[in-house]
Amino acid sequence: MKSLIAPRHGSAVLLLVLSVCCVAPCLAEQPPADPLQPFAALAGGTWLGEGTWPDGSPLKVEIRYFWGPTKRLLHFETYDLTSADKAILYEGFLLFDEKRGKVVQYNVKPTGEVSEQVVESADSKGFAINGPQTRSIVRYEEPDVFVWELRVPEGSEWKLIMKAVHRRRP
């Protein structure tokens, strides 16, 4: 029986097959991209946010994002600045939950109430987080500016109820 591959092409095909067989396992062993990388732009400095709460009152907040020592948690603290007394609204953190294969955000109110929200999508342009009754969409506008939109379900749509521009303060 004659070979289907001409002898002069046989070594090239064999080299190609060996390359794929040897390189493919190496590529599969590469660690996945850091799932928290899309949030790294938030870390460092203090962010001042301004907008309007759903009831029409002014929104003025301060948010600080900072990494935990292992860079596996991105912590945050959010303060209300609308009154003379700076008051904490909530604190929390983002982490990658390996069991679910998703980034999750936990918010803790001063009362101790904890809520969990799952990151729906995240990339270098921003992210979307779904909670039990809310959806937050954050878009990075510039290195030191992001816009946060808060939406609630209304029928089969997500109704925008709040939009705030956040600027990093040095």
N, C-alpha and C. Protein backbone atom coordinates (compact mmCIF):
# COMPACT_ATOMS: atom_id res chain seq x y z
N MET A 1 0.84 -1.17 0.00
CA MET A 1 0.00 0.00 0.00
C MET A 1 0.89 1.23 0.00
N LYS A 2 0.56 2.18 -0.84
CA LYS A 2 1.35 3.40 -0.96
C LYS A 2 0.95 4.40 0.12
N SER A 3 1.89 5.17 0.56
CA SER A 3 1.62 6.23 1.54
C SER A 3 0.83 7.34 0.87
N LEU A 4 -0.14 7.88 1.60
CA LEU A 4 -0.94 8.99 1.09
C LEU A 4 -0.16 10.30 1.15
N ILE A 5 0.91 10.32 1.90
CA ILE A 5 1.72 11.53 2.05
C ILE A 5 3.03 11.31 1.32
N ALA A 6 3.35 12.18 0.43
CA ALA A 6 4.61 12.06 -0.29
C ALA A 6 5.75 12.16 0.70
N PRO A 7 6.82 11.42 0.50
CA PRO A 7 7.93 11.42 1.46
C PRO A 7 8.46 12.80 1.78
N ARG A 8 8.51 13.69 0.82
CA ARG A 8 9.07 15.00 1.12
C ARG A 8 8.15 15.83 2.02
N HIS A 9 6.83 15.52 2.02
CA HIS A 9 5.89 16.24 2.88
C HIS A 9 5.67 15.52 4.21
N GLY A 10 6.05 14.27 4.25
CA GLY A 10 5.81 13.46 5.45
C GLY A 10 6.47 14.02 6.68
N SER A 11 7.71 14.47 6.57
CA SER A 11 8.40 15.00 7.75
C SER A 11 7.77 16.31 8.20
N ALA A 12 7.26 17.11 7.27
CA ALA A 12 6.61 18.36 7.65
C ALA A 12 5.31 18.09 8.39
N VAL A 13 4.54 17.11 7.92
CA VAL A 13 3.28 16.76 8.58
C VAL A 13 3.57 16.17 9.95
N LEU A 14 4.58 15.29 10.03
CA LEU A 14 4.94 14.70 11.32
C LEU A 14 5.36 15.80 12.30
N LEU A 15 6.13 16.76 11.82
CA LEU A 15 6.56 17.87 12.68
C LEU A 15 5.36 18.68 13.16
N LEU A 16 4.40 18.92 12.27
CA LEU A 16 3.19 19.66 12.64
C LEU A 16 2.40 18.90 13.70
N VAL A 17 2.21 17.58 13.51
CA VAL A 17 1.47 16.76 14.47
C VAL A 17 2.17 16.75 15.82
N LEU A 18 3.48 16.58 15.81
CA LEU A 18 4.23 16.58 17.07
C LEU A 18 4.15 17.94 17.77
N SER A 19 4.22 19.01 16.98
CA SER A 19 4.13 20.35 17.57
C SER A 19 2.79 20.56 18.26
N VAL A 20 1.70 20.16 17.60
CA VAL A 20 0.37 20.32 18.18
C VAL A 20 0.25 19.46 19.43
N CYS A 21 0.73 18.24 19.37
CA CYS A 21 0.62 17.34 20.53
C CYS A 21 1.45 17.82 21.71
N CYS A 22 2.58 18.44 21.44
CA CYS A 22 3.44 18.89 22.53
C CYS A 22 3.08 20.28 23.05
N VAL A 23 2.63 21.16 22.15
CA VAL A 23 2.33 22.53 22.55
C VAL A 23 0.95 22.64 23.18
N ALA A 24 -0.03 21.93 22.68
CA ALA A 24 -1.40 22.03 23.19
C ALA A 24 -1.47 21.78 24.69
N PRO A 25 -0.83 20.70 25.22
CA PRO A 25 -0.90 20.52 26.68
C PRO A 25 -0.25 21.68 27.44
N CYS A 26 0.80 22.26 26.90
CA CYS A 26 1.45 23.39 27.57
C CYS A 26 0.51 24.58 27.62
N LEU A 27 -0.21 24.82 26.54
CA LEU A 27 -1.16 25.93 26.52
C LEU A 27 -2.29 25.70 27.51
N ALA A 28 -2.74 24.46 27.63
CA ALA A 28 -3.83 24.15 28.55
C ALA A 28 -3.42 24.36 30.00
N GLU A 29 -2.13 24.27 30.28
CA GLU A 29 -1.66 24.41 31.66
C GLU A 29 -1.44 25.87 32.06
N GLN A 30 -1.56 26.80 31.13
CA GLN A 30 -1.39 28.21 31.47
C GLN A 30 -2.47 28.61 32.47
N PRO A 31 -2.10 29.37 33.48
CA PRO A 31 -3.11 29.80 34.45
C PRO A 31 -4.12 30.72 33.77
N PRO A 32 -5.37 30.65 34.20
CA PRO A 32 -6.37 31.54 33.60
C PRO A 32 -6.07 32.99 33.95
N ALA A 33 -6.58 33.89 33.14
CA ALA A 33 -6.41 35.32 33.42
C ALA A 33 -7.01 35.61 34.79
N ASP A 34 -6.47 36.59 35.47
CA ASP A 34 -6.96 36.97 36.79
C ASP A 34 -8.39 37.49 36.68
N PRO A 35 -9.37 36.81 37.26
CA PRO A 35 -10.76 37.26 37.13
C PRO A 35 -11.04 38.59 37.82
N LEU A 36 -10.15 39.04 38.71
CA LEU A 36 -10.34 40.33 39.37
C LEU A 36 -9.67 41.48 38.61
N GLN A 37 -8.95 41.18 37.53
CA GLN A 37 -8.25 42.21 36.78
C GLN A 37 -9.17 43.35 36.31
N PRO A 38 -10.41 43.07 35.85
CA PRO A 38 -11.27 44.18 35.42
C PRO A 38 -11.61 45.18 36.53
N PHE A 39 -11.37 44.81 37.79
CA PHE A 39 -11.68 45.68 38.92
C PHE A 39 -10.45 46.40 39.46
N ALA A 40 -9.27 46.04 38.96
CA ALA A 40 -8.02 46.61 39.46
C ALA A 40 -7.96 48.11 39.30
N ALA A 41 -8.63 48.64 38.27
CA ALA A 41 -8.61 50.09 38.04
C ALA A 41 -9.24 50.86 39.19
N LEU A 42 -10.06 50.21 39.99
CA LEU A 42 -10.73 50.88 41.12
C LEU A 42 -9.82 51.04 42.33
N ALA A 43 -8.83 50.16 42.46
CA ALA A 43 -7.99 50.14 43.66
C ALA A 43 -7.10 51.37 43.75
N GLY A 44 -6.97 51.87 44.94
CA GLY A 44 -6.10 53.02 45.20
C GLY A 44 -6.84 54.33 45.09
N GLY A 45 -6.55 55.20 46.00
CA GLY A 45 -7.18 56.52 45.97
C GLY A 45 -8.59 56.48 46.54
N THR A 46 -9.22 57.62 46.50
CA THR A 46 -10.58 57.79 46.99
C THR A 46 -11.43 58.31 45.85
N TRP A 47 -12.60 57.71 45.68
CA TRP A 47 -13.52 58.10 44.61
C TRP A 47 -14.65 58.94 45.19
N LEU A 48 -14.96 60.06 44.56
CA LEU A 48 -16.10 60.88 44.96
C LEU A 48 -17.18 60.72 43.90
N GLY A 49 -18.35 60.30 44.33
CA GLY A 49 -19.46 60.08 43.42
C GLY A 49 -20.57 61.09 43.65
N GLU A 50 -21.13 61.59 42.54
CA GLU A 50 -22.24 62.54 42.63
C GLU A 50 -23.31 62.17 41.63
N GLY A 51 -24.55 62.28 42.08
CA GLY A 51 -25.70 61.97 41.24
C GLY A 51 -26.96 62.27 42.03
N THR A 52 -28.00 61.49 41.76
CA THR A 52 -29.28 61.67 42.43
C THR A 52 -29.82 60.31 42.84
N TRP A 53 -30.24 60.18 44.10
CA TRP A 53 -30.86 58.95 44.57
C TRP A 53 -32.23 58.80 43.91
N PRO A 54 -32.80 57.59 43.93
CA PRO A 54 -34.11 57.38 43.30
C PRO A 54 -35.22 58.31 43.81
N ASP A 55 -35.13 58.76 45.07
CA ASP A 55 -36.17 59.65 45.61
C ASP A 55 -35.95 61.11 45.20
N GLY A 56 -34.90 61.37 44.42
CA GLY A 56 -34.62 62.73 43.95
C GLY A 56 -33.63 63.49 44.80
N SER A 57 -33.27 62.94 45.96
CA SER A 57 -32.32 63.63 46.83
C SER A 57 -30.90 63.49 46.24
N PRO A 58 -30.03 64.45 46.58
CA PRO A 58 -28.68 64.39 46.02
C PRO A 58 -27.89 63.21 46.57
N LEU A 59 -27.11 62.61 45.70
CA LEU A 59 -26.22 61.52 46.08
C LEU A 59 -24.81 62.10 46.07
N LYS A 60 -24.14 61.98 47.18
CA LYS A 60 -22.74 62.37 47.26
C LYS A 60 -22.06 61.34 48.16
N VAL A 61 -21.19 60.54 47.54
CA VAL A 61 -20.56 59.45 48.27
C VAL A 61 -19.05 59.46 48.08
N GLU A 62 -18.40 58.81 49.01
CA GLU A 62 -16.96 58.57 48.93
C GLU A 62 -16.77 57.06 48.98
N ILE A 63 -15.98 56.55 48.04
CA ILE A 63 -15.70 55.11 48.02
C ILE A 63 -14.20 54.91 47.99
N ARG A 64 -13.75 54.00 48.82
CA ARG A 64 -12.34 53.62 48.81
C ARG A 64 -12.25 52.13 48.50
N TYR A 65 -11.48 51.80 47.49
CA TYR A 65 -11.22 50.40 47.11
C TYR A 65 -9.77 50.10 47.45
N PHE A 66 -9.52 48.94 48.03
CA PHE A 66 -8.15 48.57 48.35
C PHE A 66 -8.02 47.05 48.37
N TRP A 67 -6.86 46.57 47.93
CA TRP A 67 -6.60 45.13 47.89
C TRP A 67 -6.32 44.58 49.28
N GLY A 68 -6.72 43.34 49.48
CA GLY A 68 -6.29 42.60 50.65
C GLY A 68 -4.84 42.19 50.42
N PRO A 69 -4.16 41.67 51.45
CA PRO A 69 -2.74 41.34 51.33
C PRO A 69 -2.42 40.32 50.24
N THR A 70 -3.35 39.43 49.92
CA THR A 70 -3.08 38.40 48.91
C THR A 70 -3.55 38.79 47.51
N LYS A 71 -4.19 39.94 47.40
CA LYS A 71 -4.81 40.41 46.14
C LYS A 71 -5.87 39.42 45.65
N ARG A 72 -6.47 38.69 46.57
CA ARG A 72 -7.58 37.79 46.24
C ARG A 72 -8.92 38.43 46.59
N LEU A 73 -8.87 39.54 47.35
CA LEU A 73 -10.07 40.29 47.74
C LEU A 73 -9.84 41.75 47.41
N LEU A 74 -10.86 42.36 46.80
CA LEU A 74 -10.84 43.81 46.62
C LEU A 74 -11.88 44.36 47.58
N HIS A 75 -11.40 44.99 48.65
CA HIS A 75 -12.28 45.56 49.67
C HIS A 75 -12.78 46.93 49.23
N PHE A 76 -13.92 47.33 49.78
CA PHE A 76 -14.41 48.69 49.54
C PHE A 76 -15.20 49.18 50.73
N GLU A 77 -15.21 50.50 50.89
CA GLU A 77 -15.98 51.19 51.93
C GLU A 77 -16.69 52.34 51.23
N THR A 78 -17.99 52.48 51.48
CA THR A 78 -18.77 53.55 50.86
C THR A 78 -19.40 54.41 51.94
N TYR A 79 -19.14 55.72 51.87
CA TYR A 79 -19.63 56.67 52.87
C TYR A 79 -20.58 57.67 52.23
N ASP A 80 -21.60 58.06 52.97
CA ASP A 80 -22.53 59.11 52.56
C ASP A 80 -21.94 60.45 52.99
N LEU A 81 -21.84 61.38 52.04
CA LEU A 81 -21.28 62.70 52.33
C LEU A 81 -22.32 63.81 52.24
N THR A 82 -23.60 63.46 52.16
CA THR A 82 -24.63 64.49 51.98
C THR A 82 -24.92 65.28 53.25
N SER A 83 -24.60 64.74 54.40
CA SER A 83 -24.83 65.48 55.64
C SER A 83 -23.50 65.95 56.22
N ALA A 84 -23.56 66.68 57.29
CA ALA A 84 -22.34 67.18 57.93
C ALA A 84 -21.51 66.03 58.50
N ASP A 85 -22.18 64.95 58.89
CA ASP A 85 -21.48 63.79 59.44
C ASP A 85 -21.28 62.74 58.35
N LYS A 86 -20.03 62.39 58.12
CA LYS A 86 -19.70 61.34 57.16
C LYS A 86 -20.16 60.01 57.76
N ALA A 87 -21.08 59.33 57.07
CA ALA A 87 -21.64 58.08 57.62
C ALA A 87 -21.42 56.94 56.64
N ILE A 88 -21.05 55.78 57.18
CA ILE A 88 -20.84 54.63 56.30
C ILE A 88 -22.19 54.12 55.79
N LEU A 89 -22.27 53.88 54.49
CA LEU A 89 -23.47 53.29 53.88
C LEU A 89 -23.35 51.77 53.88
N TYR A 90 -22.19 51.29 53.43
CA TYR A 90 -21.90 49.86 53.43
C TYR A 90 -20.42 49.64 53.15
N GLU A 91 -19.99 48.46 53.45
CA GLU A 91 -18.63 48.03 53.12
C GLU A 91 -18.75 46.65 52.52
N GLY A 92 -17.68 46.17 51.94
CA GLY A 92 -17.76 44.85 51.35
C GLY A 92 -16.50 44.48 50.62
N PHE A 93 -16.64 43.47 49.76
CA PHE A 93 -15.49 43.01 48.99
C PHE A 93 -15.96 42.22 47.77
N LEU A 94 -15.06 42.14 46.81
CA LEU A 94 -15.24 41.31 45.63
C LEU A 94 -14.22 40.19 45.71
N LEU A 95 -14.61 39.00 45.28
CA LEU A 95 -13.69 37.87 45.24
C LEU A 95 -14.11 36.93 44.12
N PHE A 96 -13.16 36.11 43.68
CA PHE A 96 -13.48 35.08 42.70
C PHE A 96 -13.83 33.81 43.45
N ASP A 97 -15.07 33.32 43.26
CA ASP A 97 -15.54 32.09 43.89
C ASP A 97 -15.20 30.94 42.94
N GLU A 98 -14.17 30.18 43.28
CA GLU A 98 -13.70 29.11 42.39
C GLU A 98 -14.75 28.03 42.19
N LYS A 99 -15.55 27.72 43.20
CA LYS A 99 -16.57 26.68 43.06
C LYS A 99 -17.60 27.04 42.00
N ARG A 100 -17.99 28.31 41.97
CA ARG A 100 -18.99 28.76 40.99
C ARG A 100 -18.36 29.28 39.70
N GLY A 101 -17.06 29.57 39.75
CA GLY A 101 -16.38 30.11 38.59
C GLY A 101 -16.84 31.52 38.26
N LYS A 102 -17.20 32.29 39.30
CA LYS A 102 -17.72 33.64 39.11
C LYS A 102 -17.13 34.60 40.14
N VAL A 103 -17.10 35.87 39.76
CA VAL A 103 -16.73 36.91 40.72
C VAL A 103 -18.00 37.28 41.47
N VAL A 104 -17.89 37.38 42.79
CA VAL A 104 -19.04 37.67 43.65
C VAL A 104 -18.70 38.90 44.48
N GLN A 105 -19.71 39.73 44.72
CA GLN A 105 -19.56 40.91 45.58
C GLN A 105 -20.44 40.72 46.80
N TYR A 106 -19.88 41.01 47.97
CA TYR A 106 -20.64 40.98 49.22
C TYR A 106 -20.69 42.40 49.77
N ASN A 107 -21.89 42.85 50.11
CA ASN A 107 -22.11 44.15 50.73
C ASN A 107 -22.56 43.92 52.16
N VAL A 108 -22.00 44.70 53.08
CA VAL A 108 -22.38 44.61 54.49
C VAL A 108 -22.82 45.99 54.95
N LYS A 109 -24.08 46.09 55.38
CA LYS A 109 -24.60 47.36 55.88
C LYS A 109 -24.20 47.54 57.34
N PRO A 110 -24.25 48.75 57.86
CA PRO A 110 -23.91 48.98 59.28
C PRO A 110 -24.77 48.16 60.24
N THR A 111 -25.98 47.76 59.81
CA THR A 111 -26.87 46.95 60.64
C THR A 111 -26.42 45.50 60.72
N GLY A 112 -25.47 45.11 59.84
CA GLY A 112 -25.01 43.73 59.79
C GLY A 112 -25.64 42.93 58.66
N GLU A 113 -26.63 43.51 58.00
CA GLU A 113 -27.27 42.83 56.87
C GLU A 113 -26.26 42.63 55.75
N VAL A 114 -26.22 41.40 55.23
CA VAL A 114 -25.27 41.05 54.16
C VAL A 114 -26.04 40.69 52.91
N SER A 115 -25.58 41.21 51.78
CA SER A 115 -26.18 40.83 50.50
C SER A 115 -25.08 40.34 49.57
N GLU A 116 -25.45 39.41 48.72
CA GLU A 116 -24.52 38.85 47.75
C GLU A 116 -24.99 39.22 46.35
N GLN A 117 -24.05 39.62 45.53
CA GLN A 117 -24.35 39.95 44.14
C GLN A 117 -23.33 39.26 43.26
N VAL A 118 -23.79 38.78 42.10
CA VAL A 118 -22.92 38.05 41.18
C VAL A 118 -22.56 38.95 40.01
N VAL A 119 -21.28 38.95 39.67
CA VAL A 119 -20.82 39.72 38.52
C VAL A 119 -21.25 38.98 37.26
N GLU A 120 -22.04 39.67 36.46
CA GLU A 120 -22.56 39.08 35.22
C GLU A 120 -21.53 39.16 34.10
N SER A 121 -20.85 40.30 34.02
CA SER A 121 -19.82 40.49 33.00
C SER A 121 -18.82 41.51 33.51
N ALA A 122 -17.57 41.39 33.04
CA ALA A 122 -16.52 42.32 33.45
C ALA A 122 -15.42 42.30 32.41
N ASP A 123 -14.96 43.48 32.05
CA ASP A 123 -13.82 43.61 31.16
C ASP A 123 -13.16 44.97 31.40
N SER A 124 -12.25 45.36 30.52
CA SER A 124 -11.51 46.61 30.72
C SER A 124 -12.40 47.85 30.58
N LYS A 125 -13.63 47.69 30.10
CA LYS A 125 -14.54 48.83 29.92
C LYS A 125 -15.50 49.01 31.09
N GLY A 126 -15.58 47.99 31.97
CA GLY A 126 -16.48 48.08 33.11
C GLY A 126 -17.05 46.73 33.48
N PHE A 127 -18.18 46.75 34.22
CA PHE A 127 -18.75 45.50 34.67
C PHE A 127 -20.23 45.67 35.00
N ALA A 128 -20.93 44.54 35.08
CA ALA A 128 -22.34 44.52 35.47
C ALA A 128 -22.49 43.51 36.60
N ILE A 129 -23.21 43.92 37.65
CA ILE A 129 -23.41 43.07 38.83
C ILE A 129 -24.91 42.95 39.09
N ASN A 130 -25.37 41.72 39.24
CA ASN A 130 -26.78 41.48 39.53
C ASN A 130 -26.97 41.08 40.98
N GLY A 131 -27.90 41.77 41.63
CA GLY A 131 -28.30 41.43 42.99
C GLY A 131 -29.71 40.87 42.96
N PRO A 132 -30.27 40.60 44.12
CA PRO A 132 -31.62 40.04 44.17
C PRO A 132 -32.67 40.93 43.50
N GLN A 133 -32.58 42.23 43.67
CA GLN A 133 -33.57 43.16 43.10
C GLN A 133 -32.94 44.34 42.38
N THR A 134 -31.63 44.28 42.13
CA THR A 134 -30.95 45.40 41.48
C THR A 134 -29.94 44.89 40.47
N ARG A 135 -29.58 45.80 39.60
CA ARG A 135 -28.50 45.54 38.64
C ARG A 135 -27.66 46.80 38.59
N SER A 136 -26.37 46.67 38.85
CA SER A 136 -25.44 47.79 38.77
C SER A 136 -24.60 47.64 37.51
N ILE A 137 -24.48 48.72 36.78
CA ILE A 137 -23.63 48.74 35.60
C ILE A 137 -22.61 49.85 35.81
N VAL A 138 -21.34 49.48 35.75
CA VAL A 138 -20.25 50.43 35.93
C VAL A 138 -19.46 50.49 34.63
N ARG A 139 -19.28 51.72 34.12
CA ARG A 139 -18.50 51.93 32.90
C ARG A 139 -17.32 52.83 33.23
N TYR A 140 -16.12 52.37 32.84
CA TYR A 140 -14.94 53.20 33.01
C TYR A 140 -14.92 54.21 31.86
N GLU A 141 -14.98 55.49 32.19
CA GLU A 141 -14.99 56.54 31.17
C GLU A 141 -13.58 57.02 30.86
N GLU A 142 -12.76 57.15 31.90
CA GLU A 142 -11.37 57.59 31.82
C GLU A 142 -10.64 56.86 32.94
N PRO A 143 -9.31 56.92 32.98
CA PRO A 143 -8.61 56.23 34.07
C PRO A 143 -9.08 56.63 35.46
N ASP A 144 -9.51 57.87 35.62
CA ASP A 144 -9.93 58.35 36.94
C ASP A 144 -11.40 58.74 36.99
N VAL A 145 -12.21 58.17 36.11
CA VAL A 145 -13.65 58.46 36.08
C VAL A 145 -14.42 57.19 35.74
N PHE A 146 -15.44 56.89 36.55
CA PHE A 146 -16.38 55.83 36.16
C PHE A 146 -17.80 56.30 36.43
N VAL A 147 -18.74 55.69 35.70
CA VAL A 147 -20.16 56.01 35.85
C VAL A 147 -20.85 54.76 36.36
N TRP A 148 -21.63 54.93 37.42
CA TRP A 148 -22.39 53.83 38.01
C TRP A 148 -23.86 54.06 37.75
N GLU A 149 -24.52 53.07 37.16
CA GLU A 149 -25.96 53.11 36.95
C GLU A 149 -26.60 52.02 37.79
N LEU A 150 -27.69 52.36 38.46
CA LEU A 150 -28.44 51.39 39.26
C LEU A 150 -29.79 51.19 38.59
N ARG A 151 -30.14 49.93 38.38
CA ARG A 151 -31.40 49.58 37.72
C ARG A 151 -32.19 48.60 38.57
N VAL A 152 -33.52 48.65 38.42
CA VAL A 152 -34.41 47.71 39.10
C VAL A 152 -35.33 47.08 38.06
N PRO A 153 -35.82 45.86 38.34
CA PRO A 153 -36.70 45.23 37.36
C PRO A 153 -38.04 45.95 37.24
N GLU A 154 -38.48 46.12 36.02
CA GLU A 154 -39.80 46.68 35.75
C GLU A 154 -40.34 45.91 34.54
N GLY A 155 -41.23 44.98 34.81
CA GLY A 155 -41.70 44.09 33.75
C GLY A 155 -40.55 43.22 33.29
N SER A 156 -40.30 43.19 32.01
CA SER A 156 -39.20 42.39 31.47
C SER A 156 -37.95 43.24 31.23
N GLU A 157 -37.97 44.47 31.66
CA GLU A 157 -36.86 45.41 31.46
C GLU A 157 -36.18 45.76 32.78
N TRP A 158 -35.02 46.39 32.69
CA TRP A 158 -34.32 46.94 33.84
C TRP A 158 -34.43 48.45 33.76
N LYS A 159 -35.14 49.05 34.69
CA LYS A 159 -35.39 50.50 34.69
C LYS A 159 -34.26 51.23 35.41
N LEU A 160 -33.68 52.24 34.76
CA LEU A 160 -32.64 53.07 35.36
C LEU A 160 -33.27 53.95 36.43
N ILE A 161 -32.74 53.86 37.67
CA ILE A 161 -33.27 54.69 38.75
C ILE A 161 -32.21 55.64 39.32
N MET A 162 -30.93 55.40 38.98
CA MET A 162 -29.89 56.26 39.53
C MET A 162 -28.66 56.18 38.63
N LYS A 163 -28.03 57.34 38.45
CA LYS A 163 -26.79 57.41 37.68
C LYS A 163 -25.87 58.37 38.41
N ALA A 164 -24.63 57.94 38.66
CA ALA A 164 -23.68 58.79 39.39
C ALA A 164 -22.31 58.73 38.73
N VAL A 165 -21.67 59.87 38.64
CA VAL A 165 -20.32 59.97 38.10
C VAL A 165 -19.35 59.97 39.27
N HIS A 166 -18.34 59.12 39.19
CA HIS A 166 -17.33 59.01 40.24
C HIS A 166 -15.98 59.44 39.68
N ARG A 167 -15.31 60.29 40.45
CA ARG A 167 -13.99 60.76 40.06
C ARG A 167 -12.99 60.43 41.17
N ARG A 168 -11.82 59.94 40.74
CA ARG A 168 -10.77 59.61 41.72
C ARG A 168 -10.14 60.92 42.22
N ARG A 169 -10.06 61.02 43.51
CA ARG A 169 -9.39 62.16 44.15
C ARG A 169 -7.97 61.70 44.48
N PRO A 170 -6.98 62.53 44.20
CA PRO A 170 -5.59 62.13 44.49
C PRO A 170 -5.34 61.92 45.96
